[in-house]
Amino acid sequence: MTHSERPMPPLNADERTTLESWLDFYRATVAVKCEGLADEQVRDASVPPSSLTLLGLVQHLTEVERNWFRRVLAAEDAPPTHAAQAGSNGQDGGFEISADASFAQALTAWQGEIVLSRANCAARALEETAPFMGGEVSLRWIYTHMIGEYARHSGHADLLRERIDGSTGA
């Protein structure tokens, strides 16, 4: 996806279209930040002392999609796709990358989770809820949370990309 293909959210739409459009906008923003980079570049933790990488971000966003739209919303048994590395506290959420991880595989997994996320949301109303932390969480809340999650990580991706090759914007 190129910058020109990134979907601009409509300026005046109903609530659901607005939420879905902003989430897709930020999904596309992360994809644009990774575009055209070699496998070794997406593994580059380019903002020391952080170990954050673009590959780790994509893996993390795969886990986030899987968690909110499959485990929570649809109550699916969907184990993590990126197991915690030895010695970690188990809470890495995909950020840590294994030696055999490839960006192509991570991108395919992420895109697959997005397809499943959209499918799990399609027939649900924004008011529909799922059990969560002793209460109920609505699809509206999940969309809002995911927009914030992606916006935050889009900023991280922007900094990482700039340090890798000077590319800014989008």
N, C-alpha and C. Protein backbone atom coordinates (compact mmCIF):
# COMPACT_ATOMS: atom_id res chain seq x y z
N MET A 1 0.85 -1.18 0.00
CA MET A 1 0.00 0.00 0.00
C MET A 1 0.89 1.23 0.00
N THR A 2 0.59 2.15 -0.85
CA THR A 2 1.33 3.40 -0.87
C THR A 2 0.56 4.47 -0.12
N HIS A 3 1.26 5.55 0.17
CA HIS A 3 0.64 6.65 0.90
C HIS A 3 -0.67 7.09 0.24
N SER A 4 -0.69 7.11 -1.07
CA SER A 4 -1.89 7.57 -1.77
C SER A 4 -3.05 6.57 -1.64
N GLU A 5 -2.75 5.31 -1.32
CA GLU A 5 -3.79 4.30 -1.16
C GLU A 5 -4.35 4.24 0.26
N ARG A 6 -3.75 4.96 1.17
CA ARG A 6 -4.21 4.94 2.56
C ARG A 6 -5.59 5.57 2.63
N PRO A 7 -6.57 4.88 3.19
CA PRO A 7 -7.94 5.38 3.19
C PRO A 7 -8.15 6.53 4.17
N MET A 8 -8.50 7.69 3.66
CA MET A 8 -8.80 8.84 4.51
C MET A 8 -10.19 8.65 5.11
N PRO A 9 -10.32 8.73 6.43
CA PRO A 9 -11.65 8.59 7.04
C PRO A 9 -12.59 9.69 6.55
N PRO A 10 -13.86 9.35 6.33
CA PRO A 10 -14.81 10.37 5.87
C PRO A 10 -14.98 11.45 6.93
N LEU A 11 -15.22 12.66 6.47
CA LEU A 11 -15.35 13.80 7.38
C LEU A 11 -16.73 13.89 8.03
N ASN A 12 -17.70 13.24 7.45
CA ASN A 12 -19.06 13.32 7.99
C ASN A 12 -19.79 12.01 7.70
N ALA A 13 -19.68 11.07 8.63
CA ALA A 13 -20.28 9.75 8.45
C ALA A 13 -20.94 9.32 9.75
N ASP A 14 -21.68 8.22 9.68
CA ASP A 14 -22.28 7.69 10.90
C ASP A 14 -21.18 7.16 11.82
N GLU A 15 -21.54 6.89 13.06
CA GLU A 15 -20.56 6.51 14.08
C GLU A 15 -19.77 5.25 13.69
N ARG A 16 -20.44 4.22 13.25
CA ARG A 16 -19.75 2.98 12.94
C ARG A 16 -18.75 3.18 11.80
N THR A 17 -19.19 3.85 10.75
CA THR A 17 -18.31 4.11 9.62
C THR A 17 -17.10 4.92 10.06
N THR A 18 -17.33 5.90 10.93
CA THR A 18 -16.24 6.73 11.44
C THR A 18 -15.24 5.88 12.24
N LEU A 19 -15.73 5.05 13.14
CA LEU A 19 -14.83 4.21 13.94
C LEU A 19 -14.06 3.23 13.07
N GLU A 20 -14.76 2.53 12.19
CA GLU A 20 -14.09 1.56 11.33
C GLU A 20 -13.08 2.24 10.40
N SER A 21 -13.43 3.41 9.90
CA SER A 21 -12.54 4.13 8.98
C SER A 21 -11.27 4.61 9.66
N TRP A 22 -11.39 5.11 10.90
CA TRP A 22 -10.19 5.54 11.61
C TRP A 22 -9.30 4.36 11.95
N LEU A 23 -9.90 3.23 12.33
CA LEU A 23 -9.09 2.05 12.61
C LEU A 23 -8.37 1.59 11.35
N ASP A 24 -9.06 1.56 10.22
CA ASP A 24 -8.42 1.18 8.96
C ASP A 24 -7.33 2.18 8.56
N PHE A 25 -7.56 3.45 8.81
CA PHE A 25 -6.56 4.48 8.52
C PHE A 25 -5.26 4.20 9.27
N TYR A 26 -5.36 3.90 10.55
CA TYR A 26 -4.15 3.64 11.33
C TYR A 26 -3.52 2.29 11.01
N ARG A 27 -4.35 1.30 10.67
CA ARG A 27 -3.78 0.04 10.19
C ARG A 27 -2.92 0.30 8.96
N ALA A 28 -3.47 1.07 8.03
CA ALA A 28 -2.75 1.39 6.79
C ALA A 28 -1.51 2.23 7.07
N THR A 29 -1.57 3.10 8.06
CA THR A 29 -0.42 3.93 8.41
C THR A 29 0.75 3.06 8.84
N VAL A 30 0.50 2.07 9.68
CA VAL A 30 1.57 1.17 10.11
C VAL A 30 2.13 0.42 8.90
N ALA A 31 1.27 -0.05 8.01
CA ALA A 31 1.73 -0.75 6.81
C ALA A 31 2.62 0.15 5.96
N VAL A 32 2.23 1.41 5.79
CA VAL A 32 3.02 2.37 5.01
C VAL A 32 4.39 2.56 5.64
N LYS A 33 4.46 2.61 6.95
CA LYS A 33 5.74 2.81 7.64
C LYS A 33 6.70 1.66 7.42
N CYS A 34 6.18 0.48 7.11
CA CYS A 34 7.02 -0.70 6.90
C CYS A 34 7.32 -0.94 5.43
N GLU A 35 6.66 -0.22 4.57
CA GLU A 35 6.74 -0.45 3.13
C GLU A 35 8.16 -0.26 2.59
N GLY A 36 8.58 -1.22 1.77
CA GLY A 36 9.84 -1.08 1.06
C GLY A 36 11.09 -1.36 1.86
N LEU A 37 10.94 -1.87 3.06
CA LEU A 37 12.11 -2.15 3.89
C LEU A 37 12.49 -3.63 3.80
N ALA A 38 13.78 -3.89 3.91
CA ALA A 38 14.30 -5.25 3.93
C ALA A 38 14.06 -5.86 5.31
N ASP A 39 14.12 -7.19 5.36
CA ASP A 39 13.90 -7.90 6.63
C ASP A 39 14.82 -7.40 7.74
N GLU A 40 16.09 -7.15 7.41
CA GLU A 40 17.01 -6.68 8.46
C GLU A 40 16.64 -5.28 8.94
N GLN A 41 16.05 -4.46 8.08
CA GLN A 41 15.66 -3.11 8.49
C GLN A 41 14.47 -3.13 9.45
N VAL A 42 13.50 -4.00 9.23
CA VAL A 42 12.34 -4.06 10.13
C VAL A 42 12.72 -4.70 11.47
N ARG A 43 13.90 -5.29 11.54
CA ARG A 43 14.42 -5.86 12.79
C ARG A 43 15.28 -4.84 13.55
N ASP A 44 15.53 -3.69 12.96
CA ASP A 44 16.43 -2.68 13.52
C ASP A 44 15.76 -1.92 14.66
N ALA A 45 16.30 -2.08 15.85
CA ALA A 45 15.83 -1.30 17.02
C ALA A 45 16.57 0.04 16.94
N SER A 46 16.00 0.96 16.17
CA SER A 46 16.74 2.15 15.77
C SER A 46 16.57 3.36 16.68
N VAL A 47 15.94 3.20 17.82
CA VAL A 47 15.79 4.32 18.75
C VAL A 47 16.30 3.87 20.12
N PRO A 48 17.64 3.78 20.27
CA PRO A 48 18.22 3.33 21.53
C PRO A 48 17.78 4.20 22.70
N PRO A 49 17.62 3.64 23.88
CA PRO A 49 17.96 2.27 24.26
C PRO A 49 16.81 1.28 24.05
N SER A 50 15.74 1.69 23.43
CA SER A 50 14.59 0.81 23.22
C SER A 50 14.93 -0.35 22.30
N SER A 51 14.32 -1.50 22.56
CA SER A 51 14.49 -2.66 21.69
C SER A 51 13.33 -2.78 20.70
N LEU A 52 12.47 -1.78 20.64
CA LEU A 52 11.31 -1.79 19.76
C LEU A 52 11.72 -1.79 18.29
N THR A 53 11.08 -2.65 17.50
CA THR A 53 11.34 -2.75 16.06
C THR A 53 10.02 -2.69 15.31
N LEU A 54 10.09 -2.41 14.01
CA LEU A 54 8.88 -2.44 13.19
C LEU A 54 8.32 -3.87 13.11
N LEU A 55 9.18 -4.86 13.01
CA LEU A 55 8.72 -6.25 13.01
C LEU A 55 8.01 -6.57 14.32
N GLY A 56 8.58 -6.15 15.44
CA GLY A 56 7.94 -6.37 16.74
C GLY A 56 6.60 -5.67 16.84
N LEU A 57 6.50 -4.46 16.27
CA LEU A 57 5.21 -3.75 16.27
C LEU A 57 4.15 -4.51 15.48
N VAL A 58 4.52 -5.02 14.31
CA VAL A 58 3.56 -5.77 13.49
C VAL A 58 3.13 -7.04 14.22
N GLN A 59 4.07 -7.73 14.84
CA GLN A 59 3.72 -8.92 15.62
C GLN A 59 2.79 -8.55 16.78
N HIS A 60 3.10 -7.45 17.45
CA HIS A 60 2.27 -7.00 18.57
C HIS A 60 0.85 -6.67 18.10
N LEU A 61 0.75 -5.96 16.99
CA LEU A 61 -0.58 -5.59 16.49
C LEU A 61 -1.37 -6.81 16.05
N THR A 62 -0.69 -7.85 15.60
CA THR A 62 -1.35 -9.13 15.31
C THR A 62 -1.97 -9.68 16.59
N GLU A 63 -1.19 -9.64 17.67
CA GLU A 63 -1.69 -10.14 18.96
C GLU A 63 -2.85 -9.28 19.48
N VAL A 64 -2.75 -7.97 19.30
CA VAL A 64 -3.80 -7.07 19.77
C VAL A 64 -5.11 -7.33 19.01
N GLU A 65 -5.02 -7.44 17.70
CA GLU A 65 -6.21 -7.78 16.89
C GLU A 65 -6.83 -9.09 17.38
N ARG A 66 -5.96 -10.07 17.53
CA ARG A 66 -6.39 -11.41 17.94
C ARG A 66 -7.06 -11.36 19.32
N ASN A 67 -6.47 -10.62 20.23
CA ASN A 67 -7.01 -10.54 21.58
C ASN A 67 -8.39 -9.89 21.62
N TRP A 68 -8.49 -8.69 21.09
CA TRP A 68 -9.74 -7.94 21.25
C TRP A 68 -10.88 -8.45 20.38
N PHE A 69 -10.59 -8.78 19.13
CA PHE A 69 -11.68 -9.15 18.23
C PHE A 69 -11.98 -10.65 18.20
N ARG A 70 -11.06 -11.47 18.66
CA ARG A 70 -11.31 -12.91 18.69
C ARG A 70 -11.51 -13.41 20.11
N ARG A 71 -10.51 -13.20 20.99
CA ARG A 71 -10.63 -13.73 22.35
C ARG A 71 -11.74 -13.03 23.14
N VAL A 72 -11.72 -11.70 23.14
CA VAL A 72 -12.69 -10.95 23.95
C VAL A 72 -14.04 -10.89 23.26
N LEU A 73 -14.12 -10.27 22.09
CA LEU A 73 -15.41 -10.04 21.44
C LEU A 73 -16.11 -11.34 21.04
N ALA A 74 -15.40 -12.25 20.40
CA ALA A 74 -16.02 -13.47 19.88
C ALA A 74 -15.85 -14.68 20.81
N ALA A 75 -15.17 -14.51 21.93
CA ALA A 75 -14.94 -15.58 22.90
C ALA A 75 -14.32 -16.82 22.24
N GLU A 76 -13.42 -16.59 21.29
CA GLU A 76 -12.72 -17.69 20.63
C GLU A 76 -11.51 -18.13 21.45
N ASP A 77 -11.17 -19.38 21.31
CA ASP A 77 -9.93 -19.89 21.90
C ASP A 77 -8.84 -19.65 20.86
N ALA A 78 -8.15 -18.54 20.98
CA ALA A 78 -7.13 -18.14 20.00
C ALA A 78 -5.83 -17.90 20.74
N PRO A 79 -4.98 -18.93 20.85
CA PRO A 79 -3.72 -18.76 21.57
C PRO A 79 -2.82 -17.74 20.88
N PRO A 80 -1.86 -17.19 21.60
CA PRO A 80 -0.93 -16.22 20.99
C PRO A 80 -0.22 -16.81 19.79
N THR A 81 0.02 -15.99 18.79
CA THR A 81 0.76 -16.43 17.61
C THR A 81 2.25 -16.20 17.78
N HIS A 82 2.61 -15.30 18.67
CA HIS A 82 4.02 -14.97 18.91
C HIS A 82 4.30 -15.23 20.38
N ALA A 83 4.78 -16.45 20.66
CA ALA A 83 5.03 -16.84 22.04
C ALA A 83 6.12 -15.97 22.66
N ALA A 84 5.99 -15.74 23.95
CA ALA A 84 7.00 -14.96 24.67
C ALA A 84 8.34 -15.68 24.59
N GLN A 85 9.39 -14.92 24.48
CA GLN A 85 10.74 -15.47 24.40
C GLN A 85 11.20 -15.94 25.78
N ALA A 86 12.10 -16.88 25.77
CA ALA A 86 12.67 -17.39 27.03
C ALA A 86 13.26 -16.23 27.82
N GLY A 87 12.99 -16.21 29.09
CA GLY A 87 13.55 -15.18 29.96
C GLY A 87 12.66 -13.95 30.07
N SER A 88 11.64 -13.84 29.24
CA SER A 88 10.75 -12.68 29.36
C SER A 88 9.69 -12.97 30.41
N ASN A 89 8.93 -11.96 30.74
CA ASN A 89 7.88 -12.14 31.75
C ASN A 89 6.59 -12.68 31.14
N GLY A 90 6.61 -13.00 29.85
CA GLY A 90 5.43 -13.56 29.21
C GLY A 90 4.43 -12.51 28.78
N GLN A 91 4.73 -11.25 29.00
CA GLN A 91 3.79 -10.18 28.69
C GLN A 91 4.27 -9.33 27.50
N ASP A 92 5.12 -9.89 26.64
CA ASP A 92 5.69 -9.09 25.56
C ASP A 92 4.67 -8.76 24.48
N GLY A 93 3.63 -9.56 24.35
CA GLY A 93 2.60 -9.26 23.38
C GLY A 93 3.09 -9.20 21.95
N GLY A 94 4.13 -9.97 21.62
CA GLY A 94 4.64 -10.01 20.26
C GLY A 94 5.81 -9.10 19.98
N PHE A 95 6.15 -8.22 20.90
CA PHE A 95 7.23 -7.27 20.66
C PHE A 95 8.58 -7.93 20.42
N GLU A 96 8.84 -9.02 21.15
CA GLU A 96 10.12 -9.71 20.99
C GLU A 96 10.09 -10.51 19.70
N ILE A 97 11.21 -10.52 18.98
CA ILE A 97 11.25 -11.24 17.71
C ILE A 97 12.23 -12.40 17.78
N SER A 98 11.83 -13.51 17.20
CA SER A 98 12.71 -14.67 17.19
C SER A 98 13.67 -14.58 16.00
N ALA A 99 14.73 -15.36 16.05
CA ALA A 99 15.74 -15.34 15.00
C ALA A 99 15.17 -15.78 13.65
N ASP A 100 14.16 -16.65 13.68
CA ASP A 100 13.60 -17.16 12.42
C ASP A 100 12.36 -16.39 11.95
N ALA A 101 11.98 -15.34 12.62
CA ALA A 101 10.81 -14.56 12.23
C ALA A 101 11.11 -13.79 10.95
N SER A 102 10.15 -13.80 10.03
CA SER A 102 10.33 -13.00 8.81
C SER A 102 9.21 -11.97 8.75
N PHE A 103 9.52 -10.85 8.12
CA PHE A 103 8.51 -9.81 8.00
C PHE A 103 7.36 -10.27 7.11
N ALA A 104 7.66 -10.99 6.06
CA ALA A 104 6.59 -11.47 5.17
C ALA A 104 5.59 -12.33 5.95
N GLN A 105 6.09 -13.22 6.79
CA GLN A 105 5.21 -14.07 7.60
C GLN A 105 4.43 -13.23 8.61
N ALA A 106 5.09 -12.27 9.23
CA ALA A 106 4.42 -11.42 10.22
C ALA A 106 3.33 -10.58 9.55
N LEU A 107 3.62 -10.05 8.38
CA LEU A 107 2.65 -9.25 7.65
C LEU A 107 1.45 -10.09 7.24
N THR A 108 1.68 -11.29 6.77
CA THR A 108 0.59 -12.20 6.39
C THR A 108 -0.28 -12.53 7.60
N ALA A 109 0.35 -12.81 8.73
CA ALA A 109 -0.41 -13.11 9.95
C ALA A 109 -1.24 -11.91 10.39
N TRP A 110 -0.65 -10.72 10.36
CA TRP A 110 -1.35 -9.49 10.75
C TRP A 110 -2.54 -9.24 9.83
N GLN A 111 -2.32 -9.32 8.53
CA GLN A 111 -3.41 -9.11 7.58
C GLN A 111 -4.51 -10.15 7.76
N GLY A 112 -4.13 -11.37 8.06
CA GLY A 112 -5.12 -12.42 8.32
C GLY A 112 -5.96 -12.12 9.55
N GLU A 113 -5.32 -11.62 10.60
CA GLU A 113 -6.07 -11.25 11.81
C GLU A 113 -7.02 -10.09 11.54
N ILE A 114 -6.60 -9.14 10.71
CA ILE A 114 -7.48 -8.01 10.37
C ILE A 114 -8.72 -8.51 9.64
N VAL A 115 -8.55 -9.45 8.73
CA VAL A 115 -9.70 -10.03 8.02
C VAL A 115 -10.65 -10.68 9.01
N LEU A 116 -10.11 -11.46 9.95
CA LEU A 116 -10.94 -12.11 10.96
C LEU A 116 -11.59 -11.09 11.89
N SER A 117 -10.87 -10.04 12.22
CA SER A 117 -11.44 -8.99 13.06
C SER A 117 -12.66 -8.36 12.40
N ARG A 118 -12.51 -8.01 11.14
CA ARG A 118 -13.63 -7.40 10.40
C ARG A 118 -14.82 -8.35 10.35
N ALA A 119 -14.55 -9.63 10.12
CA ALA A 119 -15.63 -10.62 10.06
C ALA A 119 -16.33 -10.74 11.41
N ASN A 120 -15.58 -10.73 12.50
CA ASN A 120 -16.19 -10.84 13.83
C ASN A 120 -17.01 -9.62 14.20
N CYS A 121 -16.73 -8.49 13.60
CA CYS A 121 -17.46 -7.26 13.90
C CYS A 121 -18.67 -7.04 13.00
N ALA A 122 -18.63 -7.59 11.81
CA ALA A 122 -19.61 -7.27 10.77
C ALA A 122 -21.07 -7.39 11.21
N ALA A 123 -21.41 -8.43 11.89
CA ALA A 123 -22.82 -8.65 12.27
C ALA A 123 -23.16 -8.15 13.66
N ARG A 124 -22.22 -7.49 14.32
CA ARG A 124 -22.45 -7.03 15.69
C ARG A 124 -22.73 -5.53 15.71
N ALA A 125 -23.66 -5.16 16.57
CA ALA A 125 -23.96 -3.74 16.79
C ALA A 125 -22.89 -3.15 17.69
N LEU A 126 -22.69 -1.85 17.59
CA LEU A 126 -21.71 -1.18 18.45
C LEU A 126 -22.03 -1.38 19.93
N GLU A 127 -23.29 -1.55 20.25
CA GLU A 127 -23.73 -1.71 21.64
C GLU A 127 -23.53 -3.13 22.16
N GLU A 128 -23.27 -4.07 21.26
CA GLU A 128 -23.12 -5.46 21.68
C GLU A 128 -21.93 -5.56 22.62
N THR A 129 -22.08 -6.37 23.66
CA THR A 129 -21.03 -6.50 24.66
C THR A 129 -20.52 -7.93 24.76
N ALA A 130 -19.38 -8.03 25.40
CA ALA A 130 -18.76 -9.31 25.70
C ALA A 130 -18.23 -9.22 27.13
N PRO A 131 -18.18 -10.35 27.82
CA PRO A 131 -17.63 -10.34 29.18
C PRO A 131 -16.16 -9.93 29.16
N PHE A 132 -15.80 -9.07 30.13
CA PHE A 132 -14.40 -8.64 30.21
C PHE A 132 -14.12 -8.10 31.60
N MET A 133 -13.11 -8.65 32.25
CA MET A 133 -12.63 -8.19 33.56
C MET A 133 -13.76 -8.01 34.57
N GLY A 134 -14.64 -8.98 34.64
CA GLY A 134 -15.72 -8.94 35.61
C GLY A 134 -16.88 -8.04 35.22
N GLY A 135 -16.85 -7.49 34.02
CA GLY A 135 -17.92 -6.63 33.55
C GLY A 135 -18.23 -6.94 32.10
N GLU A 136 -18.68 -5.94 31.40
CA GLU A 136 -19.00 -6.07 29.99
C GLU A 136 -18.29 -4.97 29.21
N VAL A 137 -17.77 -5.31 28.04
CA VAL A 137 -17.13 -4.33 27.17
C VAL A 137 -17.89 -4.31 25.84
N SER A 138 -18.16 -3.12 25.34
CA SER A 138 -18.92 -3.01 24.09
C SER A 138 -17.98 -2.99 22.88
N LEU A 139 -18.54 -3.33 21.72
CA LEU A 139 -17.77 -3.23 20.49
C LEU A 139 -17.34 -1.78 20.28
N ARG A 140 -18.19 -0.83 20.62
CA ARG A 140 -17.83 0.60 20.51
C ARG A 140 -16.55 0.89 21.31
N TRP A 141 -16.47 0.39 22.54
CA TRP A 141 -15.30 0.61 23.38
C TRP A 141 -14.07 -0.05 22.75
N ILE A 142 -14.24 -1.27 22.23
CA ILE A 142 -13.12 -1.98 21.61
C ILE A 142 -12.60 -1.19 20.41
N TYR A 143 -13.51 -0.72 19.55
CA TYR A 143 -13.07 0.09 18.42
C TYR A 143 -12.29 1.32 18.89
N THR A 144 -12.82 2.00 19.88
CA THR A 144 -12.16 3.21 20.38
C THR A 144 -10.78 2.88 20.96
N HIS A 145 -10.71 1.80 21.71
CA HIS A 145 -9.43 1.37 22.27
C HIS A 145 -8.44 1.03 21.16
N MET A 146 -8.90 0.32 20.14
CA MET A 146 -8.02 -0.09 19.05
C MET A 146 -7.51 1.11 18.26
N ILE A 147 -8.35 2.12 18.07
CA ILE A 147 -7.91 3.34 17.39
C ILE A 147 -6.77 3.98 18.17
N GLY A 148 -6.92 4.06 19.50
CA GLY A 148 -5.85 4.60 20.34
C GLY A 148 -4.59 3.75 20.29
N GLU A 149 -4.75 2.43 20.31
CA GLU A 149 -3.62 1.51 20.25
C GLU A 149 -2.84 1.72 18.95
N TYR A 150 -3.56 1.73 17.86
CA TYR A 150 -2.91 1.92 16.56
C TYR A 150 -2.31 3.31 16.40
N ALA A 151 -2.99 4.33 16.88
CA ALA A 151 -2.45 5.70 16.76
C ALA A 151 -1.13 5.80 17.51
N ARG A 152 -1.09 5.24 18.70
CA ARG A 152 0.15 5.27 19.51
C ARG A 152 1.28 4.54 18.77
N HIS A 153 0.97 3.36 18.24
CA HIS A 153 2.01 2.59 17.57
C HIS A 153 2.37 3.15 16.20
N SER A 154 1.46 3.89 15.58
CA SER A 154 1.80 4.58 14.34
C SER A 154 2.88 5.63 14.61
N GLY A 155 2.79 6.30 15.74
CA GLY A 155 3.83 7.25 16.14
C GLY A 155 5.16 6.56 16.38
N HIS A 156 5.11 5.40 17.04
CA HIS A 156 6.34 4.63 17.24
C HIS A 156 6.94 4.25 15.88
N ALA A 157 6.09 3.76 14.99
CA ALA A 157 6.55 3.33 13.67
C ALA A 157 7.16 4.50 12.89
N ASP A 158 6.58 5.67 13.04
CA ASP A 158 7.10 6.86 12.36
C ASP A 158 8.53 7.16 12.82
N LEU A 159 8.75 7.12 14.12
CA LEU A 159 10.10 7.37 14.65
C LEU A 159 11.09 6.30 14.21
N LEU A 160 10.66 5.04 14.26
CA LEU A 160 11.54 3.96 13.83
C LEU A 160 11.92 4.11 12.37
N ARG A 161 10.94 4.37 11.53
CA ARG A 161 11.21 4.50 10.09
C ARG A 161 12.14 5.69 9.80
N GLU A 162 11.91 6.78 10.48
CA GLU A 162 12.77 7.94 10.25
C GLU A 162 14.23 7.62 10.59
N ARG A 163 14.43 6.87 11.68
CA ARG A 163 15.80 6.51 12.07
C ARG A 163 16.41 5.49 11.11
N ILE A 164 15.58 4.67 10.49
CA ILE A 164 16.10 3.66 9.57
C ILE A 164 16.59 4.29 8.26
N ASP A 165 15.75 5.14 7.65
CA ASP A 165 16.12 5.66 6.34
C ASP A 165 15.75 7.12 6.09
N GLY A 166 15.34 7.82 7.14
CA GLY A 166 15.02 9.24 6.99
C GLY A 166 13.62 9.54 6.49
N SER A 167 12.85 8.50 6.19
CA SER A 167 11.50 8.69 5.68
C SER A 167 10.60 9.25 6.78
N THR A 168 9.88 10.32 6.47
CA THR A 168 8.96 10.92 7.45
C THR A 168 7.61 11.15 6.79
N GLY A 169 6.64 11.50 7.62
CA GLY A 169 5.30 11.82 7.11
C GLY A 169 4.41 10.60 7.09
N ALA A 170 3.26 10.77 6.44
CA ALA A 170 2.22 9.74 6.33
C ALA A 170 1.71 9.42 7.70
